[in-house]
Protein backbone atom coordinates (compact mmCIF):
# COMPACT_ATOMS: atom_id res chain seq x y z
CA MET A 1 -8.69 14.18 -44.56
CA THR A 2 -12.09 14.64 -42.94
CA PRO A 3 -14.76 14.18 -45.63
CA PRO A 4 -17.22 17.09 -46.06
CA GLY A 5 -20.27 16.75 -43.84
CA HIS A 6 -18.65 13.97 -41.83
CA PRO A 7 -21.00 12.84 -39.03
CA LEU A 8 -20.35 13.24 -35.35
CA PRO A 9 -18.50 10.56 -33.35
CA ASP A 10 -20.29 7.29 -32.65
CA PRO A 11 -20.58 6.82 -28.86
CA GLY A 12 -22.66 3.67 -29.35
CA LEU A 13 -19.75 1.75 -30.84
CA LEU A 14 -17.39 2.89 -28.10
CA ALA A 15 -19.86 1.72 -25.44
CA ALA A 16 -20.29 -1.63 -27.23
CA LEU A 17 -16.53 -2.19 -27.35
CA ALA A 18 -16.26 -1.36 -23.65
CA ARG A 19 -18.96 -3.95 -22.89
CA GLY A 20 -17.12 -6.50 -25.00
CA ARG A 21 -13.83 -5.85 -23.26
CA THR A 22 -15.50 -6.13 -19.84
CA ARG A 23 -17.06 -9.48 -20.77
CA VAL A 24 -13.78 -10.86 -22.10
CA ALA A 25 -11.95 -9.66 -18.97
CA GLN A 26 -14.50 -11.49 -16.80
CA TYR A 27 -13.96 -14.66 -18.83
CA MET A 28 -10.16 -14.39 -18.55
CA ALA A 29 -10.37 -13.76 -14.78
CA PHE A 30 -12.58 -16.85 -14.36
CA GLN A 31 -10.25 -19.02 -16.44
CA LEU A 32 -7.17 -17.75 -14.63
CA ALA A 33 -8.72 -18.77 -11.32
CA LEU A 34 -9.37 -22.24 -12.72
CA GLN A 35 -6.33 -23.11 -14.81
CA ASP A 36 -4.04 -20.11 -15.43
CA ARG A 37 -5.00 -19.83 -19.11
CA TRP A 38 -7.85 -18.97 -21.46
CA ASN A 39 -8.85 -19.77 -25.04
CA GLU A 40 -8.38 -17.18 -27.79
CA GLU A 41 -11.32 -18.35 -29.89
CA THR A 42 -13.71 -18.30 -26.91
CA ALA A 43 -12.53 -14.78 -26.07
CA THR A 44 -13.25 -13.66 -29.66
CA ASP A 45 -16.69 -15.28 -29.58
CA LEU A 46 -17.55 -13.49 -26.32
CA LEU A 47 -16.26 -10.18 -27.67
CA CYS A 48 -18.53 -10.43 -30.71
CA GLN A 49 -21.54 -11.63 -28.71
CA GLU A 50 -21.33 -8.79 -26.22
CA THR A 51 -20.83 -6.10 -28.87
CA ALA A 52 -23.59 -7.33 -31.22
CA PRO A 53 -25.00 -5.94 -33.43
CA ARG A 54 -22.18 -3.39 -33.73
CA LEU A 55 -19.72 -6.23 -34.35
CA GLN A 56 -21.13 -8.84 -36.69
CA PRO A 57 -19.03 -12.01 -37.13
CA ILE A 58 -19.48 -14.00 -40.33
CA PRO A 59 -17.44 -17.23 -39.96
CA PHE A 60 -16.37 -19.25 -42.96
CA THR A 61 -16.27 -23.05 -43.23
CA ARG A 62 -13.45 -24.35 -41.07
CA ASN A 63 -12.05 -26.82 -43.58
CA GLN A 64 -8.97 -24.61 -43.92
CA GLU A 65 -8.37 -24.21 -40.18
CA ALA A 66 -4.74 -25.34 -40.31
CA LEU A 67 -4.05 -22.61 -42.85
CA VAL A 68 -6.03 -19.64 -41.53
CA GLY A 69 -5.89 -20.20 -37.78
CA ALA A 70 -7.45 -17.27 -35.95
CA ASP A 71 -7.12 -14.74 -38.78
CA TRP A 72 -10.28 -12.65 -39.21
CA LEU A 73 -10.83 -9.86 -41.70
CA TRP A 74 -12.26 -6.90 -39.80
CA TRP A 75 -14.02 -4.19 -41.80
CA PHE A 76 -14.96 -0.93 -40.08
CA ILE A 77 -17.87 0.33 -42.17
CA ASP A 78 -18.72 4.03 -41.93
CA GLN A 79 -22.30 3.81 -43.16
CA PRO A 80 -23.05 7.58 -43.45
CA THR A 81 -20.03 8.30 -45.68
CA GLY A 82 -19.35 4.97 -47.40
CA LEU A 83 -15.75 4.93 -46.19
CA CYS A 84 -14.40 1.71 -44.73
CA PHE A 85 -11.21 0.37 -43.20
CA GLY A 86 -10.03 -3.22 -43.43
CA LEU A 87 -7.73 -4.93 -40.93
CA LEU A 88 -6.57 -8.56 -40.91
CA CYS A 89 -6.47 -9.60 -37.24
CA GLN A 90 -4.91 -12.65 -35.61
CA ALA A 91 -5.90 -13.32 -32.00
CA LYS A 92 -3.08 -13.94 -29.53
CA ASN A 93 -2.86 -14.33 -25.76
CA LEU A 94 -0.35 -12.55 -23.55
CA LYS A 95 1.26 -15.42 -21.66
CA LYS A 96 3.41 -15.45 -18.55
CA LYS A 97 6.09 -17.94 -17.60
CA GLY A 98 7.84 -17.01 -14.39
CA ALA A 99 8.98 -13.41 -14.79
CA ASP A 100 8.90 -13.57 -18.60
CA TRP A 101 6.14 -12.68 -21.06
CA PHE A 102 5.25 -14.35 -24.35
CA ILE A 103 2.80 -13.64 -27.15
CA GLY A 104 3.88 -16.20 -29.72
CA VAL A 105 3.45 -13.98 -32.76
CA ASP A 106 6.47 -15.60 -34.44
CA GLN A 107 5.78 -19.23 -33.59
CA GLU A 108 5.83 -22.03 -36.13
CA ASN A 109 2.78 -23.60 -37.70
CA LYS A 110 3.51 -27.31 -38.31
CA SER A 111 2.19 -27.25 -41.87
CA TYR A 112 2.77 -23.69 -43.05
CA GLY A 113 5.88 -22.32 -41.33
CA ARG A 114 6.21 -19.12 -39.32
CA GLN A 115 2.92 -17.42 -38.54
CA MET A 116 4.02 -13.79 -38.80
CA PRO A 117 5.23 -13.92 -42.44
CA ASN A 118 2.05 -15.81 -43.33
CA LEU A 119 -0.11 -13.14 -41.68
CA LEU A 120 1.74 -10.33 -43.48
CA ALA A 121 1.53 -12.17 -46.80
CA THR A 122 -2.23 -12.69 -46.38
CA ALA A 123 -2.64 -9.01 -45.55
CA ASP A 124 -0.79 -8.20 -48.78
CA TYR A 125 -3.16 -10.46 -50.67
CA PHE A 126 -6.20 -8.61 -49.31
CA GLN A 127 -4.43 -5.24 -49.51
CA VAL A 128 -5.17 -4.38 -45.87
CA PRO A 129 -2.89 -3.90 -42.85
CA ALA A 130 -2.20 -6.81 -40.51
CA ALA A 131 -2.63 -6.66 -36.73
CA TYR A 132 -2.74 -8.77 -33.62
CA LEU A 133 -5.78 -8.75 -31.37
CA LEU A 134 -4.19 -9.28 -27.97
CA TYR A 135 -6.04 -10.81 -25.03
CA CYS A 136 -3.97 -9.63 -22.09
CA GLY A 137 -5.68 -10.99 -18.97
CA THR A 138 -6.47 -8.90 -15.90
CA PRO A 139 -4.38 -6.10 -14.33
CA ALA A 140 -3.59 -8.49 -11.45
CA TYR A 141 -2.32 -11.07 -13.96
CA ARG A 142 -0.13 -8.34 -15.47
CA THR A 143 1.42 -7.22 -12.18
CA GLY A 144 4.76 -5.63 -12.99
CA LEU A 145 3.79 -4.97 -16.61
CA GLY A 146 2.15 -1.56 -16.64
CA CYS A 147 1.00 0.39 -19.68
CA THR A 148 2.91 3.45 -20.92
CA GLN A 149 0.52 5.73 -19.00
CA HIS A 150 0.36 3.62 -15.86
CA VAL A 151 -1.29 5.31 -12.88
CA PRO A 152 -1.47 2.99 -9.82
CA PRO A 153 -3.28 1.50 -8.08
CA ASP A 154 -6.34 1.27 -10.38
CA CYS A 155 -5.04 2.31 -13.79
CA VAL A 156 -7.94 2.88 -16.19
CA ARG A 157 -5.80 2.31 -19.26
CA CYS A 158 -4.45 -0.97 -17.88
CA ALA A 159 -8.04 -2.14 -17.41
CA ARG A 160 -8.93 -1.06 -20.97
CA SER A 161 -5.86 -2.93 -22.24
CA ALA A 162 -7.43 -6.33 -21.51
CA VAL A 163 -8.31 -6.42 -25.23
CA SER A 164 -5.72 -4.57 -27.32
CA VAL A 165 -4.63 -4.27 -30.92
CA LEU A 166 -1.09 -4.06 -32.29
CA SER A 167 0.10 -3.53 -35.85
CA ALA A 168 1.84 -6.65 -37.14
CA LEU A 169 4.55 -4.46 -38.70
CA ALA A 170 5.21 -3.07 -35.21
CA ALA A 171 5.34 -6.58 -33.74
CA ASP A 172 7.68 -7.71 -36.52
CA TYR A 173 10.04 -4.83 -35.75
CA LEU A 174 9.94 -5.38 -31.97
CA TYR A 175 10.66 -9.09 -32.28
CA SER A 176 13.52 -8.42 -34.70
CA SER A 177 15.19 -5.64 -32.72
CA ARG A 178 14.66 -6.67 -29.06
CA PRO A 179 13.52 -10.31 -28.99
CA ASP A 180 14.05 -10.76 -25.25
CA ASP A 181 11.78 -7.82 -24.40
CA ALA A 182 9.48 -8.08 -27.42
CA ALA A 183 6.34 -9.28 -25.62
CA SER A 184 6.41 -6.60 -22.94
CA ASP A 185 7.28 -3.94 -25.55
CA ALA A 186 4.42 -5.21 -27.72
CA PHE A 187 1.95 -4.87 -24.84
CA ARG A 188 3.09 -1.31 -24.15
CA SER A 189 2.92 -0.40 -27.85
CA ALA A 190 -0.54 -1.90 -28.29
CA LEU A 191 -3.72 0.16 -28.10
CA PRO A 192 -6.87 -0.79 -26.21
CA LEU A 193 -9.35 -1.90 -28.87
CA GLU A 194 -11.73 0.83 -27.68
CA ASP A 195 -9.21 3.47 -28.73
CA LEU A 196 -10.05 2.74 -32.38
CA ALA A 197 -13.50 4.25 -31.75
CA ASP A 198 -12.69 6.98 -29.19
CA PRO A 199 -12.24 10.41 -30.86
CA ASP A 200 -11.90 12.13 -27.48
CA LEU A 201 -8.41 10.69 -27.03
CA PRO A 202 -5.50 12.86 -28.24
CA GLN A 203 -4.94 12.62 -31.98
CA GLU A 204 -1.78 14.71 -32.13
CA LEU A 205 0.47 13.05 -34.66
CA PHE A 206 3.83 14.18 -35.98
CA ASP A 207 5.27 11.87 -38.60
CA ILE A 208 8.85 12.10 -39.84
CA ASN A 209 7.51 12.16 -43.42
CA LEU A 210 4.87 14.82 -42.83
CA GLU A 211 6.65 17.42 -44.96
CA VAL A 212 6.45 15.30 -48.12
CA CYS A 213 2.76 14.38 -47.70
CA GLY A 214 0.20 15.95 -50.00
CA PRO A 215 -2.28 18.42 -48.50
CA GLU A 216 -5.14 15.92 -48.08
CA LEU A 217 -2.92 13.29 -46.44
CA ARG A 218 -1.36 15.94 -44.20
CA GLN A 219 -4.84 17.10 -43.18
CA PHE A 220 -5.83 13.52 -42.37
CA LEU A 221 -2.79 13.09 -40.12
CA LEU A 222 -3.16 16.43 -38.32
CA ASP A 223 -6.94 16.86 -38.01
CA PRO A 224 -9.30 14.92 -35.70
CA GLN A 225 -10.87 11.89 -37.38
CA TYR A 226 -13.98 9.85 -36.66
CA ARG A 227 -15.32 6.36 -37.37
CA ALA A 228 -13.43 4.37 -40.05
CA PRO A 229 -10.75 7.06 -40.67
CA LEU A 230 -10.13 7.20 -36.90
CA ALA A 231 -9.50 3.43 -36.76
CA ALA A 232 -7.01 3.74 -39.63
CA LYS A 233 -5.28 6.72 -38.04
CA LYS A 234 -4.87 4.93 -34.69
CA ILE A 235 -3.20 1.92 -36.33
CA PHE A 236 -0.97 4.23 -38.37
CA GLU A 237 -0.06 6.16 -35.21
CA GLN A 238 1.55 3.04 -33.68
CA LEU A 239 3.98 2.77 -36.58
CA SER A 240 4.57 6.50 -36.89
CA ARG A 241 5.58 6.68 -33.22
CA LEU A 242 8.06 3.80 -33.63
CA ARG A 243 9.40 5.38 -36.82
CA LEU A 244 10.31 8.52 -34.90
CA GLY A 245 12.70 6.40 -32.83
CA VAL A 246 15.05 6.23 -35.83
CA PHE A 247 15.87 9.76 -36.88
CA SER A 248 17.68 9.04 -40.12
CA ARG A 249 15.65 9.39 -43.28
CA SER A 250 16.69 8.85 -46.87
CA ALA A 251 15.08 10.64 -49.78
CA VAL A 252 11.45 9.53 -49.79
CA ALA A 253 9.80 8.60 -53.06
CA MET A 254 6.04 8.72 -53.50
CA GLU A 255 4.03 5.65 -54.53
CA SER A 256 0.79 5.64 -56.49
CA HIS A 257 -1.96 3.19 -55.57
CA ARG A 258 -5.27 1.98 -56.91
CA ASN A 259 -8.43 4.05 -57.22
CA SER A 260 -10.53 2.72 -54.33
CA VAL A 261 -8.03 3.67 -51.63
CA LEU A 262 -8.66 7.06 -50.07
CA PHE A 263 -5.09 8.27 -50.59
CA ARG A 264 -3.45 7.35 -53.87
CA GLU A 265 -0.08 9.09 -53.34
CA LEU A 266 1.85 7.91 -50.26
CA PRO A 267 5.45 8.17 -49.02
CA ALA A 268 7.36 4.97 -49.79
CA ASP A 269 9.48 5.14 -46.61
CA SER A 270 9.99 1.75 -44.91
CA GLY A 271 12.13 3.07 -42.07
CA HIS A 272 13.10 0.07 -39.96
CA PHE A 273 9.93 -1.86 -40.85
CA SER A 274 9.70 -4.74 -43.31
CA ALA A 275 7.41 -2.76 -45.66
CA PRO A 276 6.49 0.89 -46.39
CA TYR A 277 4.30 1.74 -43.42
CA PHE A 278 2.13 4.43 -45.04
CA HIS A 279 1.04 2.00 -47.73
CA HIS A 280 0.71 -0.96 -45.37
CA VAL A 281 -1.87 0.82 -43.21
CA LEU A 282 -3.62 3.29 -45.50
CA ARG A 283 -4.27 0.78 -48.30
CA GLY A 284 -6.98 -0.50 -45.95
CA LEU A 285 -8.84 2.84 -45.92
CA ARG A 286 -11.20 2.65 -48.90
CA THR A 287 -13.94 4.67 -50.53
CA GLU A 288 -16.04 1.53 -51.11
CA ILE A 289 -16.33 -1.87 -49.48
CA PRO A 290 -14.87 -4.91 -51.30
CA ASP A 291 -17.18 -7.17 -53.26
CA TYR A 292 -16.76 -10.04 -50.80
CA VAL A 293 -18.08 -7.85 -47.97
CA THR A 294 -21.07 -6.88 -50.10
CA ALA A 295 -21.70 -10.58 -50.82
CA ALA A 296 -21.50 -11.49 -47.12
CA LEU A 297 -23.90 -8.70 -46.16
CA SER A 298 -26.35 -9.88 -48.81
CA GLY A 299 -26.16 -13.53 -47.76
CA ASP A 300 -24.54 -14.49 -51.07
CA VAL A 301 -21.69 -16.97 -51.52
CA VAL A 302 -18.31 -15.49 -50.63
CA SER A 303 -15.57 -16.33 -53.10
CA ALA A 304 -13.16 -19.15 -52.24
CA ARG A 305 -10.30 -16.70 -52.78
CA VAL A 306 -11.47 -15.15 -49.50
CA THR A 307 -12.80 -18.13 -47.55
CA THR A 308 -9.60 -20.15 -48.01
CA ARG A 309 -7.46 -17.35 -46.62
CA ALA A 310 -9.42 -16.13 -43.58
CA ALA A 311 -11.46 -17.65 -40.78
CA GLY A 312 -14.24 -15.15 -41.38
CA LEU A 313 -15.30 -11.52 -41.42
CA VAL A 314 -16.00 -9.21 -38.50
CA LEU A 315 -18.12 -6.30 -39.74
CA VAL A 316 -17.97 -3.27 -37.45
CA GLN A 317 -21.02 -1.11 -38.10
CA MET A 318 -20.21 2.55 -37.51
């Protein structure tokens, strides 16, 4: 739903994200000319530097690096309304080997096993959705791999897709159902990061479970959203679109969830995903920020229950 008196869209954040994407694309182009690869952590650093102060990184001590890798807890904070949306992001590069594409979302960690189940489990711990922040190189690097709206020769969306975001539930499904084409399908299913802050893009959404949603949840899905609710809706949209690809639907139960989430009654449909997708995404849309975010903003010590499970926070001021 759109909260009463909700403020207008935030063009400043959209412009900041565009600057960040441009800077990361320049870095990737430079590195590709030198050595055909780039570093995920450097790309994230440059993204945060160029978008400051709208994106504020708060890194934790790296003594747990083998465990947390590149997992950052992003919180989109809608300051005028108090709403916020949390997203656990793991940075990954789109890699090319001959004619094949790789992202490596399901690779093994020497000490802790497969990365994707670990990411999803950590997201469950924090009760937020999981996603991949994809660094996809330049359009020239991606020759032959166009976006779903590709318009040659200078496709605007392909340029915006240099920094993209993909739900981890979507990636899990794509790698399980079509492993040989998973990386290219993942790129096409991903959204440019800027889309999370762009209310002028179409927000038409038809979900297979729309008829069983309560009136407030139905209004949220059908009405235009802004700021933190927009970011949540865009991530949900990725999964909803994939869910439409399987037309069968069993009787859908409703699940109740804790008080601080915006929607407490959600359809329990898992579809072909590994978890109920309404709950996976919308548990991250909250009416108040978690205590560890408040502590970080105040300069206080952040609990070890957070710092041992994430590389840091990225606070997106909206």
